[in-house]
Amino acid sequence: MNTKYCLDTPESFIDNSNLVSNSWLTGFNESDGHFGIKYTEKKKDKSDTRKRSVSESVTLKFILNKRSFDKPTSSSMKHFMESLALFLSCNLTSYTDNRNSEILCVSVSSLDSVKFLLNYFNEYPLIGDKLNDF
């Protein structure tokens, strides 16, 4: 931009500050994250020890997906997504989408990590469409 438009805008460096101390993840989530609720019901035969015939569970999830390579810069996103997984106390997984691109995924469902995200998004509120899902 500087060369094309004869500007003197200083180079912007990557913010390496601790994610818990800024709202960066909120903005990133507005773009690439989503919330979900999974309800599971299992029916089993009653027995002498089993009093109920239906077992229910509810799981809260936060998922954030990102291509493994940033197209404009051809930079790998793996190191960043590994750092994000560490920050959220979850695993980094990957899958191939229907365009044969590798997608990196962080998925939070443990109760402690969900509580951490609740506190984070209450401190740094969502303001877009994701607020309703939150």
Protein backbone atom coordinates (compact mmCIF):
# COMPACT_ATOMS: atom_id res chain seq x y z
CA MET A 1 0.00 0.00 0.00
CA ASN A 2 2.84 2.36 0.86
CA THR A 3 4.51 1.85 -2.52
CA LYS A 4 1.34 1.83 -4.58
CA TYR A 5 -0.14 4.98 -3.01
CA CYS A 6 3.05 6.76 -1.92
CA LEU A 7 2.14 6.45 1.75
CA ASP A 8 4.36 6.32 4.81
CA THR A 9 2.26 4.06 7.02
CA PRO A 10 4.42 2.24 9.60
CA GLU A 11 4.53 -1.55 9.47
CA SER A 12 2.10 -3.24 11.81
CA PHE A 13 3.59 -6.06 13.86
CA ILE A 14 1.88 -9.15 15.20
CA ASP A 15 0.37 -8.61 18.63
CA ASN A 16 1.94 -11.23 20.90
CA SER A 17 0.25 -10.06 24.08
CA ASN A 18 -1.59 -12.57 26.24
CA LEU A 19 -5.03 -13.26 24.74
CA VAL A 20 -6.69 -13.13 28.15
CA SER A 21 -5.76 -9.44 28.42
CA ASN A 22 -7.35 -8.19 25.18
CA SER A 23 -10.47 -8.60 23.05
CA TRP A 24 -8.74 -10.09 20.01
CA LEU A 25 -10.42 -13.52 20.36
CA THR A 26 -13.84 -11.84 20.43
CA GLY A 27 -13.22 -10.32 17.00
CA PHE A 28 -11.76 -13.54 15.63
CA ASN A 29 -14.78 -15.46 16.90
CA GLU A 30 -17.17 -13.01 15.18
CA SER A 31 -15.58 -14.11 11.91
CA ASP A 32 -14.61 -17.77 12.27
CA GLY A 33 -16.06 -19.23 15.48
CA HIS A 34 -19.41 -20.65 16.43
CA PHE A 35 -21.29 -21.96 19.44
CA GLY A 36 -23.35 -25.10 19.61
CA ILE A 37 -25.44 -27.25 21.90
CA LYS A 38 -25.63 -31.01 21.51
CA TYR A 39 -28.47 -32.93 23.11
CA THR A 40 -28.26 -36.72 23.25
CA GLU A 41 -30.96 -39.08 24.38
CA LYS A 42 -30.29 -42.82 24.75
CA LYS A 43 -33.05 -45.30 25.41
CA LYS A 44 -32.21 -48.43 27.36
CA ASP A 45 -34.28 -51.23 28.80
CA LYS A 46 -35.12 -50.88 32.48
CA SER A 47 -33.56 -53.39 34.84
CA ASP A 48 -33.37 -54.03 38.58
CA THR A 49 -30.43 -51.63 38.88
CA ARG A 50 -31.45 -49.14 36.19
CA LYS A 51 -34.40 -47.01 37.32
CA ARG A 52 -34.74 -44.95 34.13
CA SER A 53 -35.15 -46.06 30.54
CA VAL A 54 -33.86 -42.79 29.09
CA SER A 55 -30.42 -41.28 29.58
CA GLU A 56 -29.92 -37.66 28.54
CA SER A 57 -26.88 -35.46 28.13
CA VAL A 58 -26.30 -31.87 27.04
CA THR A 59 -22.93 -30.68 25.73
CA LEU A 60 -21.98 -27.04 25.11
CA LYS A 61 -19.42 -26.46 22.35
CA PHE A 62 -17.31 -23.67 20.97
CA ILE A 63 -15.64 -24.38 17.61
CA LEU A 64 -13.25 -22.24 15.63
CA ASN A 65 -12.05 -23.38 12.19
CA LYS A 66 -9.30 -21.85 10.06
CA ARG A 67 -7.60 -22.87 6.80
CA SER A 68 -4.14 -24.30 7.48
CA PHE A 69 -2.61 -21.72 5.09
CA ASP A 70 -3.55 -18.07 4.76
CA LYS A 71 -4.19 -17.60 1.02
CA PRO A 72 -3.01 -13.98 0.63
CA THR A 73 0.30 -14.54 2.41
CA SER A 74 0.75 -18.33 1.97
CA SER A 75 1.62 -18.39 5.68
CA SER A 76 0.97 -21.46 7.79
CA MET A 77 -1.67 -20.95 10.47
CA LYS A 78 -0.61 -24.06 12.41
CA HIS A 79 1.61 -22.32 15.00
CA PHE A 80 -1.08 -19.72 15.70
CA MET A 81 -3.83 -22.35 16.00
CA GLU A 82 -1.63 -24.48 18.28
CA SER A 83 -1.20 -21.42 20.52
CA LEU A 84 -4.95 -20.83 20.49
CA ALA A 85 -5.63 -24.48 21.41
CA LEU A 86 -3.18 -24.18 24.30
CA PHE A 87 -4.85 -20.94 25.43
CA LEU A 88 -8.28 -22.65 25.35
CA SER A 89 -7.01 -25.90 26.95
CA CYS A 90 -8.18 -28.04 24.05
CA ASN A 91 -6.73 -30.09 21.23
CA LEU A 92 -5.99 -28.92 17.71
CA THR A 93 -7.47 -31.22 15.08
CA SER A 94 -7.62 -31.03 11.30
CA TYR A 95 -9.83 -32.24 8.48
CA THR A 96 -10.07 -31.83 4.72
CA ASP A 97 -13.01 -29.83 3.38
CA ASN A 98 -14.91 -30.48 0.14
CA ARG A 99 -12.41 -28.30 -1.80
CA ASN A 100 -9.55 -30.53 -0.59
CA SER A 101 -8.17 -27.81 1.72
CA GLU A 102 -6.83 -28.68 5.14
CA ILE A 103 -8.84 -27.02 7.93
CA LEU A 104 -7.47 -26.60 11.46
CA CYS A 105 -10.02 -26.79 14.25
CA VAL A 106 -10.13 -25.96 17.95
CA SER A 107 -13.15 -27.34 19.75
CA VAL A 108 -13.99 -26.57 23.38
CA SER A 109 -16.50 -28.69 25.27
CA SER A 110 -14.99 -29.40 28.70
CA LEU A 111 -16.86 -27.69 31.51
CA ASP A 112 -13.77 -25.80 32.77
CA SER A 113 -12.95 -24.48 29.28
CA VAL A 114 -16.57 -23.49 28.67
CA LYS A 115 -16.58 -21.58 31.97
CA PHE A 116 -13.33 -19.87 30.93
CA LEU A 117 -14.95 -18.78 27.63
CA LEU A 118 -18.07 -17.55 29.44
CA ASN A 119 -15.88 -15.35 31.64
CA TYR A 120 -13.81 -14.18 28.65
CA PHE A 121 -16.83 -13.23 26.49
CA ASN A 122 -18.48 -11.52 29.47
CA GLU A 123 -15.28 -9.46 29.89
CA TYR A 124 -14.92 -8.81 26.13
CA PRO A 125 -18.51 -8.98 24.82
CA LEU A 126 -19.55 -10.10 21.38
CA ILE A 127 -21.48 -7.45 19.48
CA GLY A 128 -22.41 -9.16 16.21
CA ASP A 129 -24.73 -12.03 15.28
CA LYS A 130 -22.77 -14.45 17.47
CA LEU A 131 -24.01 -12.64 20.59
CA ASN A 132 -27.40 -14.36 20.25
CA ASP A 133 -25.75 -17.79 19.95
CA PHE A 134 -23.58 -17.02 22.98
